[in-house]
Amino acid sequence: MIEKPTLRAYLEPVAPETGLLILHHMGADCYEAIHSGTVRDAMLSRCVEVCGDHPVEKVAVDVDDWPDTPSPVLIITIGKEAET
């Protein structure tokens, strides 16, 4: 079985000022937003400490063309923590 990269592995190489939204996939069509801000904020908060070992299910980028949106936002969906 191929292991999915973890949230921590995805965030470490990303620029700290990158906009970020992290969603936790909890079940069939059930998601919980667990972080909205920058990568730096996520790394400094308990978000990565608590969810850093969760496998990443999906990565997307939201690019809005409205003038008030300064940059793209990275959207990461994580699943349940991998069993050890």
Protein backbone atom coordinates (compact mmCIF):
# COMPACT_ATOMS: atom_id res chain seq x y z
CA MET A 1 0.00 0.00 0.00
CA ILE A 2 1.30 3.46 -0.91
CA GLU A 3 1.31 5.89 2.00
CA LYS A 4 -0.06 9.39 1.41
CA PRO A 5 2.19 12.34 2.32
CA THR A 6 1.30 14.04 5.59
CA LEU A 7 0.12 17.58 6.18
CA ARG A 8 3.47 18.46 7.74
CA ALA A 9 5.34 17.18 4.65
CA TYR A 10 3.21 19.37 2.37
CA LEU A 11 3.58 22.54 4.43
CA GLU A 12 7.32 22.51 5.15
CA PRO A 13 8.45 23.57 1.62
CA VAL A 14 5.66 26.14 1.08
CA ALA A 15 6.39 29.87 1.47
CA PRO A 16 5.28 31.04 4.95
CA GLU A 17 3.13 33.91 3.64
CA THR A 18 1.06 31.62 1.38
CA GLY A 19 -2.67 31.74 2.10
CA LEU A 20 -3.94 28.42 3.43
CA LEU A 21 -7.21 26.66 4.17
CA ILE A 22 -7.07 23.22 5.82
CA LEU A 23 -10.14 20.99 5.78
CA HIS A 24 -10.55 17.76 7.74
CA HIS A 25 -12.53 15.10 5.85
CA MET A 26 -14.56 13.45 8.60
CA GLY A 27 -16.80 11.16 6.56
CA ALA A 28 -19.11 10.99 3.59
CA ASP A 29 -19.59 14.62 2.49
CA CYS A 30 -18.64 15.85 5.97
CA TYR A 31 -15.79 18.35 6.29
CA GLU A 32 -14.54 20.60 9.08
CA ALA A 33 -12.41 23.70 8.49
CA ILE A 34 -9.51 23.53 10.93
CA HIS A 35 -7.35 26.43 9.74
CA SER A 36 -7.71 29.57 7.68
CA GLY A 37 -4.78 31.97 7.44
CA THR A 38 -1.20 31.63 6.30
CA VAL A 39 1.20 28.69 6.32
CA ARG A 40 3.24 30.52 8.97
CA ASP A 41 0.16 30.79 11.21
CA ALA A 42 -0.60 27.09 10.77
CA MET A 43 2.97 26.09 11.61
CA LEU A 44 3.00 28.29 14.74
CA SER A 45 -0.41 27.17 15.96
CA ARG A 46 -1.33 23.80 17.39
CA CYS A 47 -2.92 22.93 14.02
CA VAL A 48 0.21 21.27 12.63
CA GLU A 49 1.18 19.90 16.03
CA VAL A 50 -2.17 18.11 16.29
CA CYS A 51 -2.87 17.29 12.62
CA GLY A 52 0.63 17.19 11.11
CA ASP A 53 0.67 13.40 10.77
CA HIS A 54 -2.71 13.18 9.03
CA PRO A 55 -2.52 12.03 5.39
CA VAL A 56 -3.35 14.58 2.70
CA GLU A 57 -6.26 13.49 0.53
CA LYS A 58 -6.49 16.47 -1.81
CA VAL A 59 -4.61 19.67 -2.67
CA ALA A 60 -6.20 22.50 -4.65
CA VAL A 61 -5.49 26.15 -5.35
CA ASP A 62 -8.19 28.82 -5.34
CA VAL A 63 -7.27 31.75 -7.55
CA ASP A 64 -9.81 34.52 -7.32
CA ASP A 65 -9.69 37.33 -9.85
CA TRP A 66 -11.31 39.89 -7.56
CA PRO A 67 -9.09 42.89 -6.80
CA ASP A 68 -9.28 42.36 -3.03
CA THR A 69 -7.74 38.88 -3.20
CA PRO A 70 -3.98 39.44 -3.00
CA SER A 71 -2.79 35.92 -3.81
CA PRO A 72 -3.88 32.35 -4.44
CA VAL A 73 -5.02 30.24 -1.48
CA LEU A 74 -3.75 26.69 -1.01
CA ILE A 75 -6.57 24.34 0.03
CA ILE A 76 -5.51 21.08 1.68
CA THR A 77 -7.92 18.33 2.69
CA ILE A 78 -6.66 15.86 5.27
CA GLY A 79 -8.10 12.52 6.32
CA LYS A 80 -7.96 10.48 9.48
CA GLU A 81 -4.60 10.08 11.17
CA ALA A 82 -2.64 7.13 9.82
CA GLU A 83 -2.63 4.13 12.11
CA THR A 84 0.80 3.08 13.33
